[in-house]
Amino acid sequence: KTVIDLPQVLSQHDSADGTIKWLFESGFGQA
């Protein structure tokens, strides 16, 4: 009856200073 549905990660970018950015899919071509 249930699910634990996590957002899909489309990409990860790593900065030279250690910062990390993720792009999450949010449906219908949005992110």
All heavy atoms as atom14 arrays in JSON, in Angstrom:
{
  "sequence": "KTVIDLPQVLSQHDSADGTIKWLFESGFGQA",
  "atom14_mask": [
    [1, 1, 1, 1, 1, 1, 1, 1, 1, 0, 0, 0, 0, 0],
    [1, 1, 1, 1, 1, 1, 1, 0, 0, 0, 0, 0, 0, 0],
    [1, 1, 1, 1, 1, 1, 1, 0, 0, 0, 0, 0, 0, 0],
    [1, 1, 1, 1, 1, 1, 1, 1, 0, 0, 0, 0, 0, 0],
    [1, 1, 1, 1, 1, 1, 1, 1, 0, 0, 0, 0, 0, 0],
    [1, 1, 1, 1, 1, 1, 1, 1, 0, 0, 0, 0, 0, 0],
    [1, 1, 1, 1, 1, 1, 1, 0, 0, 0, 0, 0, 0, 0],
    [1, 1, 1, 1, 1, 1, 1, 1, 1, 0, 0, 0, 0, 0],
    [1, 1, 1, 1, 1, 1, 1, 0, 0, 0, 0, 0, 0, 0],
    [1, 1, 1, 1, 1, 1, 1, 1, 0, 0, 0, 0, 0, 0],
    [1, 1, 1, 1, 1, 1, 0, 0, 0, 0, 0, 0, 0, 0],
    [1, 1, 1, 1, 1, 1, 1, 1, 1, 0, 0, 0, 0, 0],
    [1, 1, 1, 1, 1, 1, 1, 1, 1, 1, 0, 0, 0, 0],
    [1, 1, 1, 1, 1, 1, 1, 1, 0, 0, 0, 0, 0, 0],
    [1, 1, 1, 1, 1, 1, 0, 0, 0, 0, 0, 0, 0, 0],
    [1, 1, 1, 1, 1, 0, 0, 0, 0, 0, 0, 0, 0, 0],
    [1, 1, 1, 1, 1, 1, 1, 1, 0, 0, 0, 0, 0, 0],
    [1, 1, 1, 1, 0, 0, 0, 0, 0, 0, 0, 0, 0, 0],
    [1, 1, 1, 1, 1, 1, 1, 0, 0, 0, 0, 0, 0, 0],
    [1, 1, 1, 1, 1, 1, 1, 1, 0, 0, 0, 0, 0, 0],
    [1, 1, 1, 1, 1, 1, 1, 1, 1, 0, 0, 0, 0, 0],
    [1, 1, 1, 1, 1, 1, 1, 1, 1, 1, 1, 1, 1, 1],
    [1, 1, 1, 1, 1, 1, 1, 1, 0, 0, 0, 0, 0, 0],
    [1, 1, 1, 1, 1, 1, 1, 1, 1, 1, 1, 0, 0, 0],
    [1, 1, 1, 1, 1, 1, 1, 1, 1, 0, 0, 0, 0, 0],
    [1, 1, 1, 1, 1, 1, 0, 0, 0, 0, 0, 0, 0, 0],
    [1, 1, 1, 1, 0, 0, 0, 0, 0, 0, 0, 0, 0, 0],
    [1, 1, 1, 1, 1, 1, 1, 1, 1, 1, 1, 0, 0, 0],
    [1, 1, 1, 1, 0, 0, 0, 0, 0, 0, 0, 0, 0, 0],
    [1, 1, 1, 1, 1, 1, 1, 1, 1, 0, 0, 0, 0, 0],
    [1, 1, 1, 1, 1, 0, 0, 0, 0, 0, 0, 0, 0, 0]
  ],
  "atom14_positions": [
    [[0.78, -1.23, 0.0], [0.0, 0.0, 0.0], [0.82, 1.29, 0.0], [0.28, 2.37, -0.25], [-0.93, 0.02, 1.22], [-1.94, -1.11, 1.25], [-2.81, -1.05, 2.49], [-3.81, -2.21, 2.54], [-4.78, -2.12, 1.42], [0.0, 0.0, 0.0], [0.0, 0.0, 0.0], [0.0, 0.0, 0.0], [0.0, 0.0, 0.0], [0.0, 0.0, 0.0]],
    [[2.1, 1.2, 0.31], [2.9, 2.41, 0.45], [4.23, 2.27, -0.28], [4.6, 1.19, -0.75], [3.17, 2.74, 1.93], [4.12, 1.8, 2.46], [1.89, 2.71, 2.75], [0.0, 0.0, 0.0], [0.0, 0.0, 0.0], [0.0, 0.0, 0.0], [0.0, 0.0, 0.0], [0.0, 0.0, 0.0], [0.0, 0.0, 0.0], [0.0, 0.0, 0.0]],
    [[4.93, 3.39, -0.34], [6.24, 3.43, -0.97], [7.05, 4.53, -0.32], [6.48, 5.47, 0.27], [6.1, 3.68, -2.5], [5.58, 5.09, -2.77], [7.41, 3.45, -3.22], [0.0, 0.0, 0.0], [0.0, 0.0, 0.0], [0.0, 0.0, 0.0], [0.0, 0.0, 0.0], [0.0, 0.0, 0.0], [0.0, 0.0, 0.0], [0.0, 0.0, 0.0]],
    [[8.35, 4.41, -0.37], [9.22, 5.51, 0.02], [9.91, 5.97, -1.25], [10.88, 5.36, -1.72], [10.24, 5.06, 1.09], [9.49, 4.63, 2.35], [11.21, 6.19, 1.42], [10.34, 3.95, 3.38], [0.0, 0.0, 0.0], [0.0, 0.0, 0.0], [0.0, 0.0, 0.0], [0.0, 0.0, 0.0], [0.0, 0.0, 0.0], [0.0, 0.0, 0.0]],
    [[9.35, 6.99, -1.85], [9.73, 7.43, -3.19], [10.68, 8.61, -3.1], [10.29, 9.71, -2.71], [8.48, 7.81, -3.98], [8.78, 8.04, -5.45], [9.88, 7.67, -5.9], [7.92, 8.62, -6.14], [0.0, 0.0, 0.0], [0.0, 0.0, 0.0], [0.0, 0.0, 0.0], [0.0, 0.0, 0.0], [0.0, 0.0, 0.0], [0.0, 0.0, 0.0]],
    [[11.93, 8.4, -3.44], [12.96, 9.43, -3.35], [13.11, 10.17, -4.67], [12.93, 9.59, -5.75], [14.3, 8.79, -2.98], [14.33, 8.08, -1.64], [15.52, 7.15, -1.57], [14.38, 9.11, -0.51], [0.0, 0.0, 0.0], [0.0, 0.0, 0.0], [0.0, 0.0, 0.0], [0.0, 0.0, 0.0], [0.0, 0.0, 0.0], [0.0, 0.0, 0.0]],
    [[13.43, 11.46, -4.63], [13.66, 12.19, -5.88], [14.89, 11.65, -6.6], [15.89, 11.29, -5.97], [13.87, 13.64, -5.42], [14.26, 13.54, -3.98], [13.58, 12.32, -3.44], [0.0, 0.0, 0.0], [0.0, 0.0, 0.0], [0.0, 0.0, 0.0], [0.0, 0.0, 0.0], [0.0, 0.0, 0.0], [0.0, 0.0, 0.0], [0.0, 0.0, 0.0]],
    [[14.8, 11.59, -7.91], [15.91, 11.06, -8.72], [16.97, 12.12, -8.9], [16.68, 13.27, -9.21], [15.39, 10.62, -10.09], [16.49, 10.08, -11.0], [15.98, 9.74, -12.38], [14.78, 9.81, -12.64], [16.88, 9.39, -13.29], [0.0, 0.0, 0.0], [0.0, 0.0, 0.0], [0.0, 0.0, 0.0], [0.0, 0.0, 0.0], [0.0, 0.0, 0.0]],
    [[18.23, 11.73, -8.71], [19.36, 12.63, -8.9], [19.78, 12.57, -10.37], [20.15, 11.51, -10.88], [20.54, 12.26, -7.99], [21.71, 13.2, -8.22], [20.12, 12.29, -6.53], [0.0, 0.0, 0.0], [0.0, 0.0, 0.0], [0.0, 0.0, 0.0], [0.0, 0.0, 0.0], [0.0, 0.0, 0.0], [0.0, 0.0, 0.0], [0.0, 0.0, 0.0]],
    [[19.73, 13.71, -11.03], [20.11, 13.78, -12.44], [21.6, 14.02, -12.62], [22.19, 13.56, -13.6], [19.31, 14.89, -13.14], [17.79, 14.72, -13.15], [17.14, 15.92, -13.83], [17.41, 13.42, -13.86], [0.0, 0.0, 0.0], [0.0, 0.0, 0.0], [0.0, 0.0, 0.0], [0.0, 0.0, 0.0], [0.0, 0.0, 0.0], [0.0, 0.0, 0.0]],
    [[22.2, 14.78, -11.7], [23.63, 15.07, -11.83], [24.2, 15.55, -10.5], [23.46, 15.98, -9.62], [23.89, 16.13, -12.91], [23.33, 17.38, -12.54], [0.0, 0.0, 0.0], [0.0, 0.0, 0.0], [0.0, 0.0, 0.0], [0.0, 0.0, 0.0], [0.0, 0.0, 0.0], [0.0, 0.0, 0.0], [0.0, 0.0, 0.0], [0.0, 0.0, 0.0]],
    [[25.51, 15.44, -10.39], [26.24, 15.97, -9.25], [27.44, 16.73, -9.77], [28.15, 16.27, -10.66], [26.69, 14.84, -8.31], [27.59, 15.33, -7.17], [28.0, 14.22, -6.22], [27.22, 13.33, -5.89], [29.26, 14.26, -5.77], [0.0, 0.0, 0.0], [0.0, 0.0, 0.0], [0.0, 0.0, 0.0], [0.0, 0.0, 0.0], [0.0, 0.0, 0.0]],
    [[27.68, 17.91, -9.21], [28.84, 18.72, -9.57], [29.62, 19.05, -8.32], [29.05, 19.46, -7.31], [28.41, 20.0, -10.29], [27.7, 19.76, -11.58], [28.36, 19.5, -12.77], [26.38, 19.71, -11.87], [27.48, 19.32, -13.73], [26.28, 19.44, -13.21], [0.0, 0.0, 0.0], [0.0, 0.0, 0.0], [0.0, 0.0, 0.0], [0.0, 0.0, 0.0]],
    [[30.94, 18.87, -8.38], [31.81, 19.1, -7.25], [32.69, 20.31, -7.5], [33.38, 20.38, -8.53], [32.68, 17.87, -6.99], [31.85, 16.65, -6.64], [31.31, 16.02, -7.56], [31.74, 16.35, -5.45], [0.0, 0.0, 0.0], [0.0, 0.0, 0.0], [0.0, 0.0, 0.0], [0.0, 0.0, 0.0], [0.0, 0.0, 0.0], [0.0, 0.0, 0.0]],
    [[32.67, 21.24, -6.55], [33.48, 22.45, -6.66], [34.88, 22.21, -6.13], [35.12, 21.32, -5.3], [32.81, 23.59, -5.88], [33.68, 24.69, -5.74], [0.0, 0.0, 0.0], [0.0, 0.0, 0.0], [0.0, 0.0, 0.0], [0.0, 0.0, 0.0], [0.0, 0.0, 0.0], [0.0, 0.0, 0.0], [0.0, 0.0, 0.0], [0.0, 0.0, 0.0]],
    [[35.8, 23.03, -6.58], [37.18, 22.95, -6.09], [37.26, 23.25, -4.6], [38.2, 22.82, -3.93], [38.07, 23.91, -6.88], [0.0, 0.0, 0.0], [0.0, 0.0, 0.0], [0.0, 0.0, 0.0], [0.0, 0.0, 0.0], [0.0, 0.0, 0.0], [0.0, 0.0, 0.0], [0.0, 0.0, 0.0], [0.0, 0.0, 0.0], [0.0, 0.0, 0.0]],
    [[36.26, 23.99, -4.06], [36.31, 24.34, -2.64], [35.57, 23.33, -1.76], [35.39, 23.55, -0.57], [35.77, 25.76, -2.4], [34.29, 25.92, -2.74], [33.57, 24.9, -2.83], [33.86, 27.07, -2.93], [0.0, 0.0, 0.0], [0.0, 0.0, 0.0], [0.0, 0.0, 0.0], [0.0, 0.0, 0.0], [0.0, 0.0, 0.0], [0.0, 0.0, 0.0]],
    [[35.12, 22.22, -2.34], [34.44, 21.18, -1.58], [32.93, 21.24, -1.63], [32.25, 20.31, -1.19], [0.0, 0.0, 0.0], [0.0, 0.0, 0.0], [0.0, 0.0, 0.0], [0.0, 0.0, 0.0], [0.0, 0.0, 0.0], [0.0, 0.0, 0.0], [0.0, 0.0, 0.0], [0.0, 0.0, 0.0], [0.0, 0.0, 0.0], [0.0, 0.0, 0.0]],
    [[32.38, 22.32, -2.17], [30.94, 22.44, -2.32], [30.43, 21.41, -3.33], [31.09, 21.13, -4.32], [30.57, 23.86, -2.79], [31.03, 24.8, -1.8], [29.08, 24.03, -2.97], [0.0, 0.0, 0.0], [0.0, 0.0, 0.0], [0.0, 0.0, 0.0], [0.0, 0.0, 0.0], [0.0, 0.0, 0.0], [0.0, 0.0, 0.0], [0.0, 0.0, 0.0]],
    [[29.24, 20.86, -3.05], [28.64, 19.87, -3.94], [27.25, 20.35, -4.33], [26.47, 20.81, -3.48], [28.52, 18.49, -3.26], [29.9, 18.0, -2.8], [27.88, 17.47, -4.2], [29.83, 16.74, -1.95], [0.0, 0.0, 0.0], [0.0, 0.0, 0.0], [0.0, 0.0, 0.0], [0.0, 0.0, 0.0], [0.0, 0.0, 0.0], [0.0, 0.0, 0.0]],
    [[26.93, 20.27, -5.61], [25.6, 20.63, -6.08], [24.95, 19.43, -6.75], [25.55, 18.76, -7.59], [25.67, 21.79, -7.08], [24.29, 22.21, -7.6], [24.37, 23.46, -8.48], [24.94, 23.18, -9.85], [24.83, 24.35, -10.75], [0.0, 0.0, 0.0], [0.0, 0.0, 0.0], [0.0, 0.0, 0.0], [0.0, 0.0, 0.0], [0.0, 0.0, 0.0]],
    [[23.69, 19.15, -6.35], [22.92, 18.08, -6.97], [21.75, 18.67, -7.74], [21.12, 19.65, -7.29], [22.37, 17.13, -5.91], [23.41, 16.33, -5.2], [24.13, 15.28, -5.68], [23.86, 16.52, -3.86], [24.99, 14.8, -4.73], [24.85, 15.55, -3.6], [23.52, 17.43, -2.84], [25.5, 15.45, -2.37], [24.17, 17.33, -1.62], [25.15, 16.36, -1.39]],
    [[21.44, 18.06, -8.86], [20.27, 18.41, -9.64], [19.27, 17.27, -9.49], [19.56, 16.12, -9.83], [20.64, 18.6, -11.12], [19.52, 19.07, -12.05], [19.14, 20.51, -11.73], [19.96, 18.95, -13.52], [0.0, 0.0, 0.0], [0.0, 0.0, 0.0], [0.0, 0.0, 0.0], [0.0, 0.0, 0.0], [0.0, 0.0, 0.0], [0.0, 0.0, 0.0]],
    [[18.06, 17.59, -8.97], [17.03, 16.6, -8.71], [15.9, 16.72, -9.73], [15.4, 17.82, -9.98], [16.44, 16.77, -7.31], [17.39, 16.47, -6.19], [18.16, 17.47, -5.62], [17.52, 15.18, -5.71], [19.04, 17.2, -4.58], [18.4, 14.88, -4.67], [19.16, 15.9, -4.11], [0.0, 0.0, 0.0], [0.0, 0.0, 0.0], [0.0, 0.0, 0.0]],
    [[15.51, 15.59, -10.3], [14.39, 15.55, -11.24], [13.09, 15.84, -10.5], [12.86, 15.34, -9.4], [14.33, 14.18, -11.9], [13.4, 14.09, -13.09], [11.98, 13.73, -12.69], [11.82, 13.13, -11.61], [11.06, 14.05, -13.45], [0.0, 0.0, 0.0], [0.0, 0.0, 0.0], [0.0, 0.0, 0.0], [0.0, 0.0, 0.0], [0.0, 0.0, 0.0]],
    [[12.25, 16.69, -11.09], [10.98, 17.01, -10.44], [9.8, 16.88, -11.39], [8.76, 17.5, -11.19], [11.03, 18.43, -9.84], [11.4, 19.38, -10.81], [0.0, 0.0, 0.0], [0.0, 0.0, 0.0], [0.0, 0.0, 0.0], [0.0, 0.0, 0.0], [0.0, 0.0, 0.0], [0.0, 0.0, 0.0], [0.0, 0.0, 0.0], [0.0, 0.0, 0.0]],
    [[9.95, 16.07, -12.42], [8.82, 15.72, -13.29], [8.63, 16.64, -14.47], [8.85, 17.84, -14.4], [0.0, 0.0, 0.0], [0.0, 0.0, 0.0], [0.0, 0.0, 0.0], [0.0, 0.0, 0.0], [0.0, 0.0, 0.0], [0.0, 0.0, 0.0], [0.0, 0.0, 0.0], [0.0, 0.0, 0.0], [0.0, 0.0, 0.0], [0.0, 0.0, 0.0]],
    [[8.23, 16.06, -15.59], [7.84, 16.8, -16.79], [8.94, 17.75, -17.27], [8.69, 18.89, -17.66], [6.54, 17.57, -16.55], [5.39, 16.71, -16.11], [5.04, 16.66, -14.78], [4.72, 15.91, -17.02], [4.0, 15.85, -14.35], [3.67, 15.09, -16.6], [3.31, 15.06, -15.27], [0.0, 0.0, 0.0], [0.0, 0.0, 0.0], [0.0, 0.0, 0.0]],
    [[10.17, 17.27, -17.21], [11.29, 18.06, -17.71], [11.79, 19.12, -16.77], [12.66, 19.91, -17.13], [0.0, 0.0, 0.0], [0.0, 0.0, 0.0], [0.0, 0.0, 0.0], [0.0, 0.0, 0.0], [0.0, 0.0, 0.0], [0.0, 0.0, 0.0], [0.0, 0.0, 0.0], [0.0, 0.0, 0.0], [0.0, 0.0, 0.0], [0.0, 0.0, 0.0]],
    [[11.27, 19.15, -15.53], [11.69, 20.14, -14.55], [12.79, 19.54, -13.66], [12.89, 18.34, -13.49], [10.53, 20.57, -13.67], [9.2, 20.77, -14.38], [9.23, 21.94, -15.32], [9.84, 22.95, -15.04], [8.57, 21.8, -16.45], [0.0, 0.0, 0.0], [0.0, 0.0, 0.0], [0.0, 0.0, 0.0], [0.0, 0.0, 0.0], [0.0, 0.0, 0.0]],
    [[13.57, 20.43, -13.05], [14.59, 19.97, -12.11], [14.92, 21.1, -11.13], [14.79, 22.28, -11.46], [15.86, 19.54, -12.84], [0.0, 0.0, 0.0], [0.0, 0.0, 0.0], [0.0, 0.0, 0.0], [0.0, 0.0, 0.0], [0.0, 0.0, 0.0], [0.0, 0.0, 0.0], [0.0, 0.0, 0.0], [0.0, 0.0, 0.0], [0.0, 0.0, 0.0]]
  ]
}
